[in-house]
PDB file of N, CA and C in Angstrom:
ATOM      1  N   MET A   1     121.714 104.089  12.183  1.00  0.00           N
ATOM      2  CA  MET A   1     121.990 105.362  12.798  1.00  0.00           C
ATOM      3  C   MET A   1     123.448 105.404  13.222  1.00  0.00           C
ATOM      4  N   LYS A   2     124.004 106.588  13.348  1.00  0.00           N
ATOM      5  CA  LYS A   2     125.404 106.760  13.716  1.00  0.00           C
ATOM      6  C   LYS A   2     125.506 107.258  15.149  1.00  0.00           C
ATOM      7  N   ILE A   3     126.416 106.608  15.893  1.00  0.00           N
ATOM      8  CA  ILE A   3     126.660 106.946  17.288  1.00  0.00           C
ATOM      9  C   ILE A   3     128.154 107.212  17.441  1.00  0.00           C
ATOM     10  N   LYS A   4     128.518 108.346  18.025  1.00  0.00           N
ATOM     11  CA  LYS A   4     129.926 108.670  18.272  1.00  0.00           C
ATOM     12  C   LYS A   4     130.292 108.207  19.679  1.00  0.00           C
ATOM     13  N   VAL A   5     131.467 107.594  19.788  1.00  0.00           N
ATOM     14  CA  VAL A   5     131.959 107.098  21.074  1.00  0.00           C
ATOM     15  C   VAL A   5     133.301 107.758  21.369  1.00  0.00           C
ATOM     16  N   ASN A   6     133.412 108.339  22.568  1.00  0.00           N
ATOM     17  CA  ASN A   6     134.665 108.899  23.066  1.00  0.00           C
ATOM     18  C   ASN A   6     135.191 107.943  24.133  1.00  0.00           C
ATOM     19  N   TYR A   7     136.342 107.352  23.872  1.00  0.00           N
ATOM     20  CA  TYR A   7     136.861 106.319  24.757  1.00  0.00           C
ATOM     21  C   TYR A   7     137.591 106.887  25.967  1.00  0.00           C
ATOM     22  N   ASP A   8     137.594 106.101  27.027  1.00  0.00           N
ATOM     23  CA  ASP A   8     138.352 106.382  28.230  1.00  0.00           C
ATOM     24  C   ASP A   8     139.832 106.123  27.942  1.00  0.00           C
ATOM     25  N   PHE A   9     140.715 106.725  28.723  1.00  0.00           N
ATOM     26  CA  PHE A   9     142.147 106.527  28.505  1.00  0.00           C
ATOM     27  C   PHE A   9     142.529 105.049  28.539  1.00  0.00           C
ATOM     28  N   THR A  10     141.790 104.248  29.288  1.00  0.00           N
ATOM     29  CA  THR A  10     142.053 102.814  29.386  1.00  0.00           C
ATOM     30  C   THR A  10     141.913 102.128  28.033  1.00  0.00           C
ATOM     31  N   HIS A  11     141.006 102.616  27.211  1.00  0.00           N
ATOM     32  CA  HIS A  11     140.719 101.995  25.918  1.00  0.00           C
ATOM     33  C   HIS A  11     141.569 102.555  24.780  1.00  0.00           C
ATOM     34  N   GLN A  12     142.104 103.741  24.973  1.00  0.00           N
ATOM     35  CA  GLN A  12     142.731 104.454  23.865  1.00  0.00           C
ATOM     36  C   GLN A  12     143.930 103.733  23.270  1.00  0.00           C
ATOM     37  N   GLU A  13     144.700 103.000  24.067  1.00  0.00           N
ATOM     38  CA  GLU A  13     145.840 102.274  23.503  1.00  0.00           C
ATOM     39  C   GLU A  13     145.378 101.151  22.579  1.00  0.00           C
ATOM     40  N   LEU A  14     144.129 100.737  22.727  1.00  0.00           N
ATOM     41  CA  LEU A  14     143.588  99.654  21.918  1.00  0.00           C
ATOM     42  C   LEU A  14     142.807 100.160  20.716  1.00  0.00           C
ATOM     43  N   VAL A  15     141.931 101.131  20.921  1.00  0.00           N
ATOM     44  CA  VAL A  15     140.990 101.516  19.856  1.00  0.00           C
ATOM     45  C   VAL A  15     141.017 103.002  19.491  1.00  0.00           C
ATOM     46  N   GLY A  16     141.902 103.770  20.083  1.00  0.00           N
ATOM     47  CA  GLY A  16     141.986 105.186  19.757  1.00  0.00           C
ATOM     48  C   GLY A  16     141.103 106.037  20.654  1.00  0.00           C
ATOM     49  N   LYS A  17     140.999 107.315  20.324  1.00  0.00           N
ATOM     50  CA  LYS A  17     140.251 108.258  21.167  1.00  0.00           C
ATOM     51  C   LYS A  17     138.754 108.248  20.892  1.00  0.00           C
ATOM     52  N   THR A  18     138.377 108.130  19.622  1.00  0.00           N
ATOM     53  CA  THR A  18     136.958 108.186  19.263  1.00  0.00           C
ATOM     54  C   THR A  18     136.658 107.177  18.169  1.00  0.00           C
ATOM     55  N   ASP A  19     135.376 106.929  18.010  1.00  0.00           N
ATOM     56  CA  ASP A  19     134.900 106.012  16.983  1.00  0.00           C
ATOM     57  C   ASP A  19     133.477 106.404  16.626  1.00  0.00           C
ATOM     58  N   VAL A  20     133.052 106.044  15.445  1.00  0.00           N
ATOM     59  CA  VAL A  20     131.659 106.211  15.046  1.00  0.00           C
ATOM     60  C   VAL A  20     131.143 104.836  14.643  1.00  0.00           C
ATOM     61  N   PHE A  21     130.030 104.447  15.259  1.00  0.00           N
ATOM     62  CA  PHE A  21     129.422 103.149  14.976  1.00  0.00           C
ATOM     63  C   PHE A  21     128.105 103.362  14.254  1.00  0.00           C
ATOM     64  N   GLU A  22     127.844 102.543  13.263  1.00  0.00           N
ATOM     65  CA  GLU A  22     126.543 102.518  12.614  1.00  0.00           C
ATOM     66  C   GLU A  22     125.806 101.315  13.170  1.00  0.00           C
ATOM     67  N   ILE A  23     124.707 101.583  13.850  1.00  0.00           N
ATOM     68  CA  ILE A  23     123.918 100.518  14.467  1.00  0.00           C
ATOM     69  C   ILE A  23     122.458 100.666  14.059  1.00  0.00           C
ATOM     70  N   ALA A  24     121.691  99.613  14.296  1.00  0.00           N
ATOM     71  CA  ALA A  24     120.280  99.600  13.902  1.00  0.00           C
ATOM     72  C   ALA A  24     119.458 100.572  14.746  1.00  0.00           C
ATOM     73  N   ASP A  25     118.434 101.141  14.136  1.00  0.00           N
ATOM     74  CA  ASP A  25     117.495 101.983  14.875  1.00  0.00           C
ATOM     75  C   ASP A  25     116.913 101.191  16.037  1.00  0.00           C
ATOM     76  N   GLY A  26     116.752 101.842  17.163  1.00  0.00           N
ATOM     77  CA  GLY A  26     116.174 101.193  18.336  1.00  0.00           C
ATOM     78  C   GLY A  26     117.175 100.415  19.175  1.00  0.00           C
ATOM     79  N   ALA A  27     118.460 100.436  18.791  1.00  0.00           N
ATOM     80  CA  ALA A  27     119.477  99.717  19.566  1.00  0.00           C
ATOM     81  C   ALA A  27     119.605 100.349  20.947  1.00  0.00           C
ATOM     82  N   ARG A  28     120.010  99.545  21.892  1.00  0.00           N
ATOM     83  CA  ARG A  28     120.149  99.985  23.280  1.00  0.00           C
ATOM     84  C   ARG A  28     121.632 100.104  23.636  1.00  0.00           C
ATOM     85  N   LEU A  29     121.902 100.852  24.683  1.00  0.00           N
ATOM     86  CA  LEU A  29     123.276 101.086  25.120  1.00  0.00           C
ATOM     87  C   LEU A  29     124.017  99.774  25.353  1.00  0.00           C
ATOM     88  N   GLY A  30     123.394  98.819  26.001  1.00  0.00           N
ATOM     89  CA  GLY A  30     124.039  97.530  26.268  1.00  0.00           C
ATOM     90  C   GLY A  30     124.485  96.829  24.999  1.00  0.00           C
ATOM     91  N   GLU A  31     123.688  96.935  23.946  1.00  0.00           N
ATOM     92  CA  GLU A  31     124.049  96.321  22.671  1.00  0.00           C
ATOM     93  C   GLU A  31     125.293  96.982  22.087  1.00  0.00           C
ATOM     94  N   LEU A  32     125.339  98.310  22.153  1.00  0.00           N
ATOM     95  CA  LEU A  32     126.506  99.028  21.646  1.00  0.00           C
ATOM     96  C   LEU A  32     127.742  98.665  22.456  1.00  0.00           C
ATOM     97  N   LEU A  33     127.610  98.563  23.767  1.00  0.00           N
ATOM     98  CA  LEU A  33     128.765  98.233  24.603  1.00  0.00           C
ATOM     99  C   LEU A  33     129.290  96.834  24.288  1.00  0.00           C
ATOM    100  N   GLN A  34     128.416  95.906  23.932  1.00  0.00           N
ATOM    101  CA  GLN A  34     128.873  94.572  23.528  1.00  0.00           C
ATOM    102  C   GLN A  34     129.693  94.652  22.238  1.00  0.00           C
ATOM    103  N   ILE A  35     129.253  95.483  21.303  1.00  0.00           N
ATOM    104  CA  ILE A  35     129.991  95.681  20.046  1.00  0.00           C
ATOM    105  C   ILE A  35     131.359  96.297  20.338  1.00  0.00           C
ATOM    106  N   ILE A  36     131.373  97.290  21.214  1.00  0.00           N
ATOM    107  CA  ILE A  36     132.631  97.949  21.589  1.00  0.00           C
ATOM    108  C   ILE A  36     133.574  96.942  22.249  1.00  0.00           C
ATOM    109  N   ASP A  37     133.045  96.119  23.147  1.00  0.00           N
ATOM    110  CA  ASP A  37     133.889  95.139  23.829  1.00  0.00           C
ATOM    111  C   ASP A  37     134.494  94.127  22.861  1.00  0.00           C
ATOM    112  N   THR A  38     133.739  93.726  21.855  1.00  0.00           N
ATOM    113  CA  THR A  38     134.283  92.819  20.840  1.00  0.00           C
ATOM    114  C   THR A  38     135.468  93.481  20.152  1.00  0.00           C
ATOM    115  N   ARG A  39     135.329  94.748  19.847  1.00  0.00           N
ATOM    116  CA  ARG A  39     136.411  95.493  19.201  1.00  0.00           C
ATOM    117  C   ARG A  39     137.622  95.613  20.134  1.00  0.00           C
ATOM    118  N   ILE A  40     137.387  95.880  21.418  1.00  0.00           N
ATOM    119  CA  ILE A  40     138.472  95.993  22.392  1.00  0.00           C
ATOM    120  C   ILE A  40     139.223  94.670  22.510  1.00  0.00           C
ATOM    121  N   VAL A  41     138.505  93.560  22.624  1.00  0.00           N
ATOM    122  CA  VAL A  41     139.129  92.241  22.771  1.00  0.00           C
ATOM    123  C   VAL A  41     139.931  91.882  21.524  1.00  0.00           C
ATOM    124  N   GLU A  42     139.373  92.141  20.338  1.00  0.00           N
ATOM    125  CA  GLU A  42     140.092  91.875  19.085  1.00  0.00           C
ATOM    126  C   GLU A  42     141.381  92.681  19.009  1.00  0.00           C
ATOM    127  N   ALA A  43     141.287  93.958  19.343  1.00  0.00           N
ATOM    128  CA  ALA A  43     142.471  94.818  19.306  1.00  0.00           C
ATOM    129  C   ALA A  43     143.516  94.328  20.299  1.00  0.00           C
ATOM    130  N   GLY A  44     143.074  93.888  21.469  1.00  0.00           N
ATOM    131  CA  GLY A  44     144.006  93.357  22.462  1.00  0.00           C
ATOM    132  C   GLY A  44     144.744  92.133  21.954  1.00  0.00           C
ATOM    133  N   LYS A  45     144.017  91.247  21.295  1.00  0.00           N
ATOM    134  CA  LYS A  45     144.650  90.047  20.731  1.00  0.00           C
ATOM    135  C   LYS A  45     145.677  90.438  19.679  1.00  0.00           C
ATOM    136  N   ASN A  46     145.309  91.376  18.811  1.00  0.00           N
ATOM    137  CA  ASN A  46     146.205  91.804  17.737  1.00  0.00           C
ATOM    138  C   ASN A  46     147.440  92.525  18.256  1.00  0.00           C
ATOM    139  N   LYS A  47     147.311  93.226  19.384  1.00  0.00           N
ATOM    140  CA  LYS A  47     148.412  94.014  19.930  1.00  0.00           C
ATOM    141  C   LYS A  47     149.113  93.340  21.105  1.00  0.00           C
ATOM    142  N   GLY A  48     148.640  92.151  21.489  1.00  0.00           N
ATOM    143  CA  GLY A  48     149.248  91.447  22.601  1.00  0.00           C
ATOM    144  C   GLY A  48     149.010  92.122  23.945  1.00  0.00           C
ATOM    145  N   ILE A  49     147.846  92.754  24.108  1.00  0.00           N
ATOM    146  CA  ILE A  49     147.505  93.457  25.345  1.00  0.00           C
ATOM    147  C   ILE A  49     146.372  92.715  26.040  1.00  0.00           C
ATOM    148  N   ASP A  50     146.532  92.442  27.315  1.00  0.00           N
ATOM    149  CA  ASP A  50     145.500  91.789  28.108  1.00  0.00           C
ATOM    150  C   ASP A  50     144.307  92.741  28.278  1.00  0.00           C
ATOM    151  N   THR A  51     143.126  92.294  27.918  1.00  0.00           N
ATOM    152  CA  THR A  51     141.934  93.143  27.986  1.00  0.00           C
ATOM    153  C   THR A  51     141.002  92.779  29.141  1.00  0.00           C
ATOM    154  N   THR A  52     141.476  91.962  30.062  1.00  0.00           N
ATOM    155  CA  THR A  52     140.639  91.504  31.169  1.00  0.00           C
ATOM    156  C   THR A  52     139.966  92.667  31.885  1.00  0.00           C
ATOM    157  N   TYR A  53     140.690  93.726  32.158  1.00  0.00           N
ATOM    158  CA  TYR A  53     140.128  94.869  32.891  1.00  0.00           C
ATOM    159  C   TYR A  53     139.896  96.076  31.991  1.00  0.00           C
ATOM    160  N   LYS A  54     139.801  95.847  30.690  1.00  0.00           N
ATOM    161  CA  LYS A  54     139.626  96.956  29.760  1.00  0.00           C
ATOM    162  C   LYS A  54     138.278  96.954  29.045  1.00  0.00           C
ATOM    163  N   THR A  55     137.496  95.922  29.197  1.00  0.00           N
ATOM    164  CA  THR A  55     136.188  95.906  28.552  1.00  0.00           C
ATOM    165  C   THR A  55     135.220  96.811  29.316  1.00  0.00           C
ATOM    166  N   THR A  56     134.155  97.222  28.641  1.00  0.00           N
ATOM    167  CA  THR A  56     133.164  98.085  29.280  1.00  0.00           C
ATOM    168  C   THR A  56     132.166  97.294  30.111  1.00  0.00           C
ATOM    169  N   LEU A  57     132.015  96.002  29.783  1.00  0.00           N
ATOM    170  CA  LEU A  57     131.067  95.128  30.488  1.00  0.00           C
ATOM    171  C   LEU A  57     131.776  93.888  31.018  1.00  0.00           C
ATOM    172  N   VAL A  58     131.273  93.372  32.132  1.00  0.00           N
ATOM    173  CA  VAL A  58     131.674  92.071  32.648  1.00  0.00           C
ATOM    174  C   VAL A  58     130.387  91.364  33.040  1.00  0.00           C
ATOM    175  N   ASN A  59     130.139  90.220  32.417  1.00  0.00           N
ATOM    176  CA  ASN A  59     128.893  89.483  32.661  1.00  0.00           C
ATOM    177  C   ASN A  59     127.659  90.377  32.498  1.00  0.00           C
ATOM    178  N   GLU A  60     127.679  91.198  31.447  1.00  0.00           N
ATOM    179  CA  GLU A  60     126.562  92.076  31.089  1.00  0.00           C
ATOM    180  C   GLU A  60     126.253  93.146  32.130  1.00  0.00           C
ATOM    181  N   VAL A  61     127.256  93.527  32.922  1.00  0.00           N
ATOM    182  CA  VAL A  61     127.154  94.614  33.899  1.00  0.00           C
ATOM    183  C   VAL A  61     128.317  95.561  33.620  1.00  0.00           C
ATOM    184  N   LEU A  62     128.114  96.861  33.825  1.00  0.00           N
ATOM    185  CA  LEU A  62     129.195  97.812  33.595  1.00  0.00           C
ATOM    186  C   LEU A  62     130.422  97.451  34.419  1.00  0.00           C
ATOM    187  N   ASN A  63     131.576  97.503  33.788  1.00  0.00           N
ATOM    188  CA  ASN A  63     132.847  97.138  34.406  1.00  0.00           C
ATOM    189  C   ASN A  63     133.516  98.365  35.023  1.00  0.00           C
ATOM    190  N   GLY A  64     132.903  98.945  36.028  1.00  0.00           N
ATOM    191  CA  GLY A  64     133.495 100.090  36.686  1.00  0.00           C
ATOM    192  C   GLY A  64     133.469 101.356  35.853  1.00  0.00           C
ATOM    193  N   CYS A  65     132.724 101.366  34.761  1.00  0.00           N
ATOM    194  CA  CYS A  65     132.645 102.545  33.897  1.00  0.00           C
ATOM    195  C   CYS A  65     131.476 103.433  34.304  1.00  0.00           C
ATOM    196  N   VAL A  66     131.671 104.708  34.126  1.00  0.00           N
ATOM    197  CA  VAL A  66     130.568 105.646  34.172  1.00  0.00           C
ATOM    198  C   VAL A  66     130.376 106.089  32.725  1.00  0.00           C
ATOM    199  N   VAL A  67     129.173 105.935  32.222  1.00  0.00           N
ATOM    200  CA  VAL A  67     128.888 106.231  30.823  1.00  0.00           C
ATOM    201  C   VAL A  67     127.890 107.375  30.747  1.00  0.00           C
ATOM    202  N   PHE A  68     128.192 108.351  29.911  1.00  0.00           N
ATOM    203  CA  PHE A  68     127.267 109.453  29.644  1.00  0.00           C
ATOM    204  C   PHE A  68     126.776 109.338  28.209  1.00  0.00           C
ATOM    205  N   ILE A  69     125.532 109.703  27.991  1.00  0.00           N
ATOM    206  CA  ILE A  69     124.971 109.848  26.655  1.00  0.00           C
ATOM    207  C   ILE A  69     124.589 111.312  26.513  1.00  0.00           C
ATOM    208  N   ASN A  70     125.221 111.985  25.576  1.00  0.00           N
ATOM    209  CA  ASN A  70     124.982 113.414  25.345  1.00  0.00           C
ATOM    210  C   ASN A  70     125.147 114.225  26.624  1.00  0.00           C
ATOM    211  N   GLY A  71     126.144 113.867  27.435  1.00  0.00           N
ATOM    212  CA  GLY A  71     126.469 114.629  28.631  1.00  0.00           C
ATOM    213  C   GLY A  71     125.700 114.271  29.882  1.00  0.00           C
ATOM    214  N   SER A  72     124.802 113.290  29.803  1.00  0.00           N
ATOM    215  CA  SER A  72     124.006 112.906  30.970  1.00  0.00           C
ATOM    216  C   SER A  72     124.069 111.399  31.181  1.00  0.00           C
ATOM    217  N   ALA A  73     123.966 110.999  32.441  1.00  0.00           N
ATOM    218  CA  ALA A  73     123.907 109.567  32.746  1.00  0.00           C
ATOM    219  C   ALA A  73     122.573 109.024  32.246  1.00  0.00           C
ATOM    220  N   PRO A  74     122.597 107.868  31.573  1.00  0.00           N
ATOM    221  CA  PRO A  74     121.342 107.305  31.051  1.00  0.00           C
ATOM    222  C   PRO A  74     120.431 106.844  32.182  1.00  0.00           C
ATOM    223  N   GLU A  75     119.153 107.178  32.070  1.00  0.00           N
ATOM    224  CA  GLU A  75     118.172 106.817  33.097  1.00  0.00           C
ATOM    225  C   GLU A  75     118.008 105.310  33.224  1.00  0.00           C
ATOM    226  N   LYS A  76     118.004 104.628  32.086  1.00  0.00           N
ATOM    227  CA  LYS A  76     117.735 103.183  32.083  1.00  0.00           C
ATOM    228  C   LYS A  76     119.005 102.362  31.941  1.00  0.00           C
ATOM    229  N   ARG A  77     120.135 102.988  32.153  1.00  0.00           N
ATOM    230  CA  ARG A  77     121.443 102.343  32.040  1.00  0.00           C
ATOM    231  C   ARG A  77     121.581 101.553  30.752  1.00  0.00           C
ATOM    232  N   LEU A  78     121.809 100.258  30.823  1.00  0.00           N
ATOM    233  CA  LEU A  78     122.078  99.465  29.624  1.00  0.00           C
ATOM    234  C   LEU A  78     120.862  99.321  28.723  1.00  0.00           C
ATOM    235  N   GLU A  79     119.689  99.551  29.255  1.00  0.00           N
ATOM    236  CA  GLU A  79     118.458  99.446  28.460  1.00  0.00           C
ATOM    237  C   GLU A  79     118.096 100.749  27.752  1.00  0.00           C
ATOM    238  N   GLN A  80     118.896 101.788  27.958  1.00  0.00           N
ATOM    239  CA  GLN A  80     118.622 103.091  27.351  1.00  0.00           C
ATOM    240  C   GLN A  80     118.667 102.978  25.831  1.00  0.00           C
ATOM    241  N   GLU A  81     117.601 103.398  25.172  1.00  0.00           N
ATOM    242  CA  GLU A  81     117.561 103.386  23.715  1.00  0.00           C
ATOM    243  C   GLU A  81     118.421 104.515  23.171  1.00  0.00           C
ATOM    244  N   LEU A  82     119.178 104.200  22.139  1.00  0.00           N
ATOM    245  CA  LEU A  82     120.044 105.196  21.511  1.00  0.00           C
ATOM    246  C   LEU A  82     119.346 105.824  20.314  1.00  0.00           C
ATOM    247  N   HIS A  83     119.815 107.020  19.949  1.00  0.00           N
ATOM    248  CA  HIS A  83     119.237 107.764  18.829  1.00  0.00           C
ATOM    249  C   HIS A  83     120.353 108.244  17.915  1.00  0.00           C
ATOM    250  N   ASP A  84     120.014 108.424  16.642  1.00  0.00           N
ATOM    251  CA  ASP A  84     120.983 108.887  15.665  1.00  0.00           C
ATOM    252  C   ASP A  84     121.650 110.166  16.168  1.00  0.00           C
ATOM    253  N   GLY A  85     122.976 110.186  16.107  1.00  0.00           N
ATOM    254  CA  GLY A  85     123.730 111.365  16.513  1.00  0.00           C
ATOM    255  C   GLY A  85     124.106 111.400  17.984  1.00  0.00           C
ATOM    256  N   ASP A  86     123.700 110.392  18.766  1.00  0.00           N
ATOM    257  CA  ASP A  86     124.076 110.368  20.180  1.00  0.00           C
ATOM    258  C   ASP A  86     125.588 110.342  20.322  1.00  0.00           C
ATOM    259  N   ASN A  87     126.051 110.930  21.411  1.00  0.00           N
ATOM    260  CA  ASN A  87     127.464 110.993  21.730  1.00  0.00           C
ATOM    261  C   ASN A  87     127.680 110.256  23.050  1.00  0.00           C
ATOM    262  N   ILE A  88     128.421 109.158  23.002  1.00  0.00           N
ATOM    263  CA  ILE A  88     128.690 108.329  24.181  1.00  0.00           C
ATOM    264  C   ILE A  88     130.069 108.694  24.705  1.00  0.00           C
ATOM    265  N   GLU A  89     130.174 108.848  26.013  1.00  0.00           N
ATOM    266  CA  GLU A  89     131.462 109.173  26.620  1.00  0.00           C
ATOM    267  C   GLU A  89     131.677 108.319  27.861  1.00  0.00           C
ATOM    268  N   PHE A  90     132.836 107.709  27.932  1.00  0.00           N
ATOM    269  CA  PHE A  90     133.231 106.972  29.127  1.00  0.00           C
ATOM    270  C   PHE A  90     133.964 107.951  30.024  1.00  0.00           C
ATOM    271  N   ILE A  91     133.578 108.011  31.264  1.00  0.00           N
ATOM    272  CA  ILE A  91     134.160 108.994  32.168  1.00  0.00           C
ATOM    273  C   ILE A  91     135.592 108.620  32.522  1.00  0.00           C
ATOM    274  N   TYR A  92     136.464 109.538  32.278  1.00  0.00           N
ATOM    275  CA  TYR A  92     137.897 109.383  32.448  1.00  0.00           C
ATOM    276  C   TYR A  92     138.249 108.855  33.839  1.00  0.00           C
ATOM    277  N   GLY A  93     138.982 107.733  33.864  1.00  0.00           N
ATOM    278  CA  GLY A  93     139.495 107.201  35.109  1.00  0.00           C
ATOM    279  C   GLY A  93     138.616 106.174  35.785  1.00  0.00           C
ATOM    280  N   PHE A  94     137.433 105.899  35.268  1.00  0.00           N
ATOM    281  CA  PHE A  94     136.529 104.964  35.929  1.00  0.00           C
ATOM    282  C   PHE A  94     136.333 103.657  35.156  1.00  0.00           C
ATOM    283  N   CYS A  95     136.968 103.497  34.028  1.00  0.00           N
ATOM    284  CA  CYS A  95     136.776 102.283  33.239  1.00  0.00           C
ATOM    285  C   CYS A  95     137.933 101.321  33.466  1.00  0.00           C
ATOM    286  N   GLY A  96     137.630 100.061  33.328  1.00  0.00           N
ATOM    287  CA  GLY A  96     138.671  99.045  33.399  1.00  0.00           C
ATOM    288  C   GLY A  96     138.932  98.526  34.787  1.00  0.00           C
ATOM    289  N   GLY A  97     137.883  98.382  35.608  1.00  0.00           N
ATOM    290  CA  GLY A  97     138.026  97.782  36.921  1.00  0.00           C
ATOM    291  C   GLY A  97     138.399  98.797  37.890  1.00  0.00           C
TER     292      GLY A  97
END
């Protein structure tokens, strides 16, 4: 399934404004955030940017981010199941510590 991600300004210097991820059916928000964090860390290494306070998760807990799925806060947070066509948005100004 395809999930669109709109990044917070904190992430944009590393990965751009938006992305589309293809993930397995039944994937949960936490799983997607781990994939995103891998991409953020890789981009930081390639660009020489410290990503310590730029990942979406720290020790499997949200890193100061507010995350919306299709305009609403997920009821089950990281355990929220995603669906094809979902739109993920990090709330501007709250990501990265």
